[in-house]
Amino acid sequence: MDILIVLVCFAALAVASIMDLITREVADWLNFSLIASGIGINLILSIYFLDKNYILNSVFGLIFSVAIGYLMFYTGQWGGGDSKMIMGLGALIGLSLSWDAMLLKFYANILFAGAFYGLFWVFVLAFVHWKKIIKEVAKIYRGKMFRIIRVALGSMIILFLVVILLTPVYIINSEMKIAFYVLLATLFMMQHMWAFVKAIEKSAMIKLTPIGLLTEGDWIVKDVVIDGKRICGPKDLGIEKQQIDELVKLKNEGKIKKILVKNGIPFIPSFLLAFIYTIIFKNIFLISRLLL
């Protein structure tokens, strides 16, 4: 990869990470500038080296990244800023028609970096808000939904346990039974993990936000209905400027002051970590660990 592209990607990710950590959003000017820079730099490289692959790879990278960005956004995994950043990085790095393409390695490493980074944030939030979380977990345990999950999961575990215990050794040997026991224990713990994650979400990630502090892309927790008209809600996958303007108008009329907003984890820093790893080691994290 050209050193200029590496430096531009690193600088953009560093600036975007700071923005994301402080404001929980990445400015559109940075993302759109990154897309324009990707196309522009690769076009210049194609002309300078008389090699059309630079610009073709940039276009392929942008198209592929647009697909990834839209997929992650409309499945609720990323915010709009995260998705646009990926599009810019795709245009810069480019996608060569090879399984060894750097862009594919980078995206694969984002999955692993995101998993570890997300786990880190969960523990940070749990540490900061532990008193609220303990109270919220107790409420969830007393709730109807948890009772349904506990009964359904408990019945399934008992059924599988009976089947495993009654199955002859020549069908399921001792090692396989141990593996099944570990799996059943994991399933048992999942109900408590679900309660823990929901408690963190309610205690630390959902806040009553004044209308004046809303920004495009904020995730609205519940449908906002004023005078029988739905203004916005969770199905929107991020509030739009037109909806914010309408809410501001209603606020000025004294009809609404605050709404519930879910603050997601700032994920751009995990992109930076994945990029650094990919540039240094030039491989996919999981594959390199399995080969050691």
Foldseek 3Di string as FASTA:
>chain_A
DDPVLLVLLLVLLVVQLVCCVPPVAGDPVSLVVLLVCLQVVLVVVCVVVVNCQSNVQLVVLLVVLLVVLVVCLLVLNDFNRVSSNSNSNSNNQGADPDPLRLNVLLVLLLVVLLVVVVVVVLVVLCVVQVVQLVVQLVVVCPDPVLVVLCVVLVVVLVVVVVVLVPDDCVVPNPVNSVVVVVVSVVSNCVSVVVSSVVSSQVRPFKDWAFLVSFDWRWAFDAFDADPNRTLDHRSVSTDHPVSSVVVVVCVVVVRDTTGITGRDDSSSVSSSVSSVCCVVVVGHPVVVVVVD
